[in-house]
Amino acid sequence: MKKILKYISCFPVWLFVQLLRWPFYQKKYLKNQWFQGICAPGWRWAATDIIHRIFTTKHMRIPWPVSPYIDCGRNIEFDPEDVNCFNGAGNYYQTFDAKIVLGKGCWIAKNVGIITSNHDLYDLNEHQPGKDVVLGERCWVGMNSVILPGVTLGDHTIVGAGSVVTKSFPDGNCVIAGNPARILRRL
């Protein structure tokens, strides 16, 4: 009986997303572990996002579900299985003139900033040319961290909470932390 009541309570959310998803999402982003079954958590994320898009027009050109509490650029490459990186709060994915690449299996904590371009030091109304930011497979970026333009992190790099990553660590398999981030341990 509890299972039936659970499905009945989930059905309106699932139906809402099914009816209104077509102008917002590419189908491939709704066919992963987060959307398996009528009560999967992804349907609530998507419903919240659709409502927010309709009333605020935020994220209108982004073809995957994004939390209304995240600032997200469009030029991001990631595996559709990892759409969970865009369900949280406080994250800032800035993609001015460059792209962000998130490797398969990445986890991004709350309040993380990934930035592809800084302001011009001589004219703050302008931005410097963008530089791609690339995170390898199975990277984990801890809460309140910032990754600056041009940084490449190799596979299985763990960024400690509160870190500022100013340079690349392309070899991966390490734990980095601090301001500026440095290698604390090899994995």
C-alpha atoms as a PDB file:
ATOM      1  CA  MET A   1       0.000   0.000   0.000  1.00  0.00           C
ATOM      2  CA  LYS A   2       2.830   2.412   0.846  1.00  0.00           C
ATOM      3  CA  LYS A   3       4.413   1.735  -2.534  1.00  0.00           C
ATOM      4  CA  ILE A   4       1.175   2.545  -4.344  1.00  0.00           C
ATOM      5  CA  LEU A   5       0.767   5.807  -2.412  1.00  0.00           C
ATOM      6  CA  LYS A   6       4.352   6.731  -3.219  1.00  0.00           C
ATOM      7  CA  TYR A   7       3.754   6.210  -6.949  1.00  0.00           C
ATOM      8  CA  ILE A   8       0.522   8.180  -6.802  1.00  0.00           C
ATOM      9  CA  SER A   9       2.340  11.109  -5.162  1.00  0.00           C
ATOM     10  CA  CYS A  10       5.175  10.976  -7.749  1.00  0.00           C
ATOM     11  CA  PHE A  11       2.962  10.717 -10.806  1.00  0.00           C
ATOM     12  CA  PRO A  12       1.934  14.408 -11.081  1.00  0.00           C
ATOM     13  CA  VAL A  13       5.592  15.534 -11.001  1.00  0.00           C
ATOM     14  CA  TRP A  14       6.600  12.957 -13.611  1.00  0.00           C
ATOM     15  CA  LEU A  15       3.631  13.856 -15.835  1.00  0.00           C
ATOM     16  CA  PHE A  16       4.361  17.596 -15.537  1.00  0.00           C
ATOM     17  CA  VAL A  17       7.930  17.065 -16.778  1.00  0.00           C
ATOM     18  CA  GLN A  18       6.796  14.712 -19.552  1.00  0.00           C
ATOM     19  CA  LEU A  19       4.329  17.286 -20.863  1.00  0.00           C
ATOM     20  CA  LEU A  20       6.617  20.337 -20.649  1.00  0.00           C
ATOM     21  CA  ARG A  21      10.125  18.999 -21.258  1.00  0.00           C
ATOM     22  CA  TRP A  22      10.169  19.234 -25.065  1.00  0.00           C
ATOM     23  CA  PRO A  23      11.031  22.946 -25.388  1.00  0.00           C
ATOM     24  CA  PHE A  24      13.668  22.825 -22.650  1.00  0.00           C
ATOM     25  CA  TYR A  25      15.672  19.585 -22.649  1.00  0.00           C
ATOM     26  CA  GLN A  26      17.437  17.257 -25.021  1.00  0.00           C
ATOM     27  CA  LYS A  27      16.143  13.761 -24.405  1.00  0.00           C
ATOM     28  CA  LYS A  28      19.587  12.279 -23.707  1.00  0.00           C
ATOM     29  CA  TYR A  29      19.799  14.195 -20.418  1.00  0.00           C
ATOM     30  CA  LEU A  30      16.631  12.539 -19.103  1.00  0.00           C
ATOM     31  CA  LYS A  31      17.692   8.935 -19.755  1.00  0.00           C
ATOM     32  CA  ASN A  32      20.187   8.262 -16.989  1.00  0.00           C
ATOM     33  CA  GLN A  33      20.217   6.913 -13.443  1.00  0.00           C
ATOM     34  CA  TRP A  34      18.660  10.100 -12.067  1.00  0.00           C
ATOM     35  CA  PHE A  35      15.504   9.573 -14.145  1.00  0.00           C
ATOM     36  CA  GLN A  36      14.985   5.808 -13.800  1.00  0.00           C
ATOM     37  CA  GLY A  37      11.499   5.185 -12.491  1.00  0.00           C
ATOM     38  CA  ILE A  38       8.570   7.463 -11.863  1.00  0.00           C
ATOM     39  CA  CYS A  39       9.808   8.449  -8.363  1.00  0.00           C
ATOM     40  CA  ALA A  40      13.459   9.088  -9.322  1.00  0.00           C
ATOM     41  CA  PRO A  41      14.931  12.331  -7.908  1.00  0.00           C
ATOM     42  CA  GLY A  42      15.644  13.783 -11.350  1.00  0.00           C
ATOM     43  CA  TRP A  43      11.965  14.364 -12.076  1.00  0.00           C
ATOM     44  CA  ARG A  44      11.669  16.737  -9.104  1.00  0.00           C
ATOM     45  CA  TRP A  45      14.846  18.579 -10.202  1.00  0.00           C
ATOM     46  CA  ALA A  46      13.458  18.922 -13.718  1.00  0.00           C
ATOM     47  CA  ALA A  47      10.017  20.070 -12.532  1.00  0.00           C
ATOM     48  CA  THR A  48      11.570  22.750 -10.330  1.00  0.00           C
ATOM     49  CA  ASP A  49      13.800  23.857 -13.195  1.00  0.00           C
ATOM     50  CA  ILE A  50      10.922  24.036 -15.706  1.00  0.00           C
ATOM     51  CA  ILE A  51       8.821  26.169 -13.340  1.00  0.00           C
ATOM     52  CA  HIS A  52      11.782  28.449 -12.729  1.00  0.00           C
ATOM     53  CA  ARG A  53      12.536  28.760 -16.462  1.00  0.00           C
ATOM     54  CA  ILE A  54       8.936  29.684 -17.234  1.00  0.00           C
ATOM     55  CA  PHE A  55       8.743  32.410 -14.598  1.00  0.00           C
ATOM     56  CA  THR A  56      12.289  33.848 -14.717  1.00  0.00           C
ATOM     57  CA  THR A  57      13.627  32.819 -18.165  1.00  0.00           C
ATOM     58  CA  LYS A  58      16.913  31.815 -16.475  1.00  0.00           C
ATOM     59  CA  HIS A  59      18.767  28.921 -18.182  1.00  0.00           C
ATOM     60  CA  MET A  60      16.419  29.038 -21.186  1.00  0.00           C
ATOM     61  CA  ARG A  61      19.134  28.036 -23.680  1.00  0.00           C
ATOM     62  CA  ILE A  62      20.622  25.214 -21.577  1.00  0.00           C
ATOM     63  CA  PRO A  63      19.361  21.818 -22.809  1.00  0.00           C
ATOM     64  CA  TRP A  64      19.623  19.924 -19.499  1.00  0.00           C
ATOM     65  CA  PRO A  65      18.021  20.356 -16.043  1.00  0.00           C
ATOM     66  CA  VAL A  66      19.785  22.993 -13.908  1.00  0.00           C
ATOM     67  CA  SER A  67      18.939  23.995 -10.359  1.00  0.00           C
ATOM     68  CA  PRO A  68      17.584  27.539 -10.156  1.00  0.00           C
ATOM     69  CA  TYR A  69      20.218  28.161  -7.479  1.00  0.00           C
ATOM     70  CA  ILE A  70      23.109  27.635  -9.905  1.00  0.00           C
ATOM     71  CA  ASP A  71      24.537  30.096 -12.446  1.00  0.00           C
ATOM     72  CA  CYS A  72      25.372  28.085 -15.516  1.00  0.00           C
ATOM     73  CA  GLY A  73      26.821  28.889 -18.908  1.00  0.00           C
ATOM     74  CA  ARG A  74      25.856  26.926 -21.978  1.00  0.00           C
ATOM     75  CA  ASN A  75      29.268  25.868 -23.281  1.00  0.00           C
ATOM     76  CA  ILE A  76      29.781  22.846 -21.016  1.00  0.00           C
ATOM     77  CA  GLU A  77      30.616  19.300 -22.074  1.00  0.00           C
ATOM     78  CA  PHE A  78      29.781  16.411 -19.746  1.00  0.00           C
ATOM     79  CA  ASP A  79      28.455  12.879 -19.777  1.00  0.00           C
ATOM     80  CA  PRO A  80      24.629  12.809 -19.540  1.00  0.00           C
ATOM     81  CA  GLU A  81      24.982  10.396 -16.598  1.00  0.00           C
ATOM     82  CA  ASP A  82      26.545  13.257 -14.632  1.00  0.00           C
ATOM     83  CA  VAL A  83      23.673  15.740 -14.872  1.00  0.00           C
ATOM     84  CA  ASN A  84      23.669  15.685 -11.041  1.00  0.00           C
ATOM     85  CA  CYS A  85      26.559  18.216 -11.166  1.00  0.00           C
ATOM     86  CA  PHE A  86      23.905  20.822 -11.985  1.00  0.00           C
ATOM     87  CA  ASN A  87      21.544  20.054  -9.122  1.00  0.00           C
ATOM     88  CA  GLY A  88      22.706  21.924  -6.074  1.00  0.00           C
ATOM     89  CA  ALA A  89      23.115  25.434  -4.820  1.00  0.00           C
ATOM     90  CA  GLY A  90      25.593  28.254  -5.220  1.00  0.00           C
ATOM     91  CA  ASN A  91      27.642  26.817  -8.077  1.00  0.00           C
ATOM     92  CA  TYR A  92      28.929  29.144 -10.802  1.00  0.00           C
ATOM     93  CA  TYR A  93      29.841  27.702 -14.196  1.00  0.00           C
ATOM     94  CA  GLN A  94      31.140  30.684 -16.206  1.00  0.00           C
ATOM     95  CA  THR A  95      31.802  29.947 -19.880  1.00  0.00           C
ATOM     96  CA  PHE A  96      32.784  33.264 -21.513  1.00  0.00           C
ATOM     97  CA  ASP A  97      34.589  32.595 -24.825  1.00  0.00           C
ATOM     98  CA  ALA A  98      35.723  29.120 -23.699  1.00  0.00           C
ATOM     99  CA  LYS A  99      34.298  25.836 -22.503  1.00  0.00           C
ATOM    100  CA  ILE A 100      34.203  23.714 -19.393  1.00  0.00           C
ATOM    101  CA  VAL A 101      34.732  19.975 -19.843  1.00  0.00           C
ATOM    102  CA  LEU A 102      33.694  17.676 -16.999  1.00  0.00           C
ATOM    103  CA  GLY A 103      34.996  14.125 -17.324  1.00  0.00           C
ATOM    104  CA  LYS A 104      32.758  11.144 -16.705  1.00  0.00           C
ATOM    105  CA  GLY A 105      32.006  10.511 -13.052  1.00  0.00           C
ATOM    106  CA  CYS A 106      32.880  14.008 -11.747  1.00  0.00           C
ATOM    107  CA  TRP A 107      31.288  15.279  -8.559  1.00  0.00           C
ATOM    108  CA  ILE A 108      30.978  19.005  -7.885  1.00  0.00           C
ATOM    109  CA  ALA A 109      30.051  20.136  -4.346  1.00  0.00           C
ATOM    110  CA  LYS A 110      28.029  23.225  -3.444  1.00  0.00           C
ATOM    111  CA  ASN A 111      29.352  26.766  -3.900  1.00  0.00           C
ATOM    112  CA  VAL A 112      32.017  25.796  -6.434  1.00  0.00           C
ATOM    113  CA  GLY A 113      33.088  28.306  -9.089  1.00  0.00           C
ATOM    114  CA  ILE A 114      34.560  27.156 -12.393  1.00  0.00           C
ATOM    115  CA  ILE A 115      35.664  30.189 -14.379  1.00  0.00           C
ATOM    116  CA  THR A 116      36.923  30.427 -17.976  1.00  0.00           C
ATOM    117  CA  SER A 117      37.662  34.164 -18.125  1.00  0.00           C
ATOM    118  CA  ASN A 118      38.701  36.915 -15.708  1.00  0.00           C
ATOM    119  CA  HIS A 119      38.065  40.643 -15.940  1.00  0.00           C
ATOM    120  CA  ASP A 120      40.610  42.766 -17.774  1.00  0.00           C
ATOM    121  CA  LEU A 121      42.783  44.470 -15.146  1.00  0.00           C
ATOM    122  CA  TYR A 122      42.717  47.782 -17.019  1.00  0.00           C
ATOM    123  CA  ASP A 123      39.038  47.823 -17.952  1.00  0.00           C
ATOM    124  CA  LEU A 124      36.806  45.931 -15.537  1.00  0.00           C
ATOM    125  CA  ASN A 125      33.906  46.183 -17.992  1.00  0.00           C
ATOM    126  CA  GLU A 126      35.817  43.850 -20.330  1.00  0.00           C
ATOM    127  CA  HIS A 127      36.933  40.245 -19.959  1.00  0.00           C
ATOM    128  CA  GLN A 128      40.239  38.674 -20.914  1.00  0.00           C
ATOM    129  CA  PRO A 129      40.120  36.007 -23.625  1.00  0.00           C
ATOM    130  CA  GLY A 130      38.653  32.783 -22.287  1.00  0.00           C
ATOM    131  CA  LYS A 131      40.632  29.610 -21.604  1.00  0.00           C
ATOM    132  CA  ASP A 132      39.098  26.145 -21.405  1.00  0.00           C
ATOM    133  CA  VAL A 133      38.838  24.404 -18.039  1.00  0.00           C
ATOM    134  CA  VAL A 134      39.081  20.603 -18.207  1.00  0.00           C
ATOM    135  CA  LEU A 135      38.388  18.156 -15.385  1.00  0.00           C
ATOM    136  CA  GLY A 136      39.364  14.537 -16.036  1.00  0.00           C
ATOM    137  CA  GLU A 137      37.298  11.501 -15.188  1.00  0.00           C
ATOM    138  CA  ARG A 138      36.233  10.865 -11.570  1.00  0.00           C
ATOM    139  CA  CYS A 139      37.338  14.264 -10.239  1.00  0.00           C
ATOM    140  CA  TRP A 140      35.794  15.537  -7.039  1.00  0.00           C
ATOM    141  CA  VAL A 141      35.725  19.284  -6.343  1.00  0.00           C
ATOM    142  CA  GLY A 142      35.102  20.134  -2.674  1.00  0.00           C
ATOM    143  CA  MET A 143      32.756  22.787  -1.338  1.00  0.00           C
ATOM    144  CA  ASN A 144      33.630  26.486  -1.747  1.00  0.00           C
ATOM    145  CA  SER A 145      36.455  25.826  -4.217  1.00  0.00           C
ATOM    146  CA  VAL A 146      37.315  27.923  -7.272  1.00  0.00           C
ATOM    147  CA  ILE A 147      38.926  26.676 -10.470  1.00  0.00           C
ATOM    148  CA  LEU A 148      40.415  29.458 -12.589  1.00  0.00           C
ATOM    149  CA  PRO A 149      40.796  29.830 -16.390  1.00  0.00           C
ATOM    150  CA  GLY A 150      43.029  27.419 -18.267  1.00  0.00           C
ATOM    151  CA  VAL A 151      43.230  24.787 -15.533  1.00  0.00           C
ATOM    152  CA  THR A 152      43.363  21.109 -16.466  1.00  0.00           C
ATOM    153  CA  LEU A 153      42.926  18.471 -13.781  1.00  0.00           C
ATOM    154  CA  GLY A 154      43.863  14.892 -14.635  1.00  0.00           C
ATOM    155  CA  ASP A 155      41.723  11.867 -13.889  1.00  0.00           C
ATOM    156  CA  HIS A 156      40.867  11.217 -10.249  1.00  0.00           C
ATOM    157  CA  THR A 157      41.984  14.584  -8.887  1.00  0.00           C
ATOM    158  CA  ILE A 158      40.381  15.545  -5.594  1.00  0.00           C
ATOM    159  CA  VAL A 159      40.181  19.261  -4.810  1.00  0.00           C
ATOM    160  CA  GLY A 160      39.940  19.992  -1.084  1.00  0.00           C
ATOM    161  CA  ALA A 161      37.195  22.264   0.226  1.00  0.00           C
ATOM    162  CA  GLY A 162      37.920  25.975  -0.013  1.00  0.00           C
ATOM    163  CA  SER A 163      40.760  25.598  -2.507  1.00  0.00           C
ATOM    164  CA  VAL A 164      41.704  28.049  -5.253  1.00  0.00           C
ATOM    165  CA  VAL A 165      43.108  26.141  -8.221  1.00  0.00           C
ATOM    166  CA  THR A 166      45.297  28.510 -10.226  1.00  0.00           C
ATOM    167  CA  LYS A 167      47.400  26.010 -12.200  1.00  0.00           C
ATOM    168  CA  SER A 168      46.959  22.640 -13.871  1.00  0.00           C
ATOM    169  CA  PHE A 169      47.578  19.203 -12.369  1.00  0.00           C
ATOM    170  CA  PRO A 170      47.344  17.113 -15.557  1.00  0.00           C
ATOM    171  CA  ASP A 171      48.821  13.916 -14.091  1.00  0.00           C
ATOM    172  CA  GLY A 172      45.841  13.472 -11.778  1.00  0.00           C
ATOM    173  CA  ASN A 173      45.542  10.759  -9.122  1.00  0.00           C
ATOM    174  CA  CYS A 174      46.191  13.265  -6.363  1.00  0.00           C
ATOM    175  CA  VAL A 175      44.632  15.350  -3.633  1.00  0.00           C
ATOM    176  CA  ILE A 176      45.166  19.088  -4.011  1.00  0.00           C
ATOM    177  CA  ALA A 177      44.165  21.836  -1.607  1.00  0.00           C
ATOM    178  CA  GLY A 178      44.982  25.338  -0.455  1.00  0.00           C
ATOM    179  CA  ASN A 179      45.234  28.844  -1.870  1.00  0.00           C
ATOM    180  CA  PRO A 180      46.840  28.450  -4.306  1.00  0.00           C
ATOM    181  CA  ALA A 181      46.199  24.722  -4.513  1.00  0.00           C
ATOM    182  CA  ARG A 182      49.160  22.358  -4.270  1.00  0.00           C
ATOM    183  CA  ILE A 183      49.536  18.599  -4.120  1.00  0.00           C
ATOM    184  CA  LEU A 184      48.991  17.219  -0.634  1.00  0.00           C
ATOM    185  CA  ARG A 185      48.995  13.536  -1.505  1.00  0.00           C
ATOM    186  CA  ARG A 186      49.387  11.188  -4.454  1.00  0.00           C
ATOM    187  CA  LEU A 187      46.761   8.471  -4.899  1.00  0.00           C
END
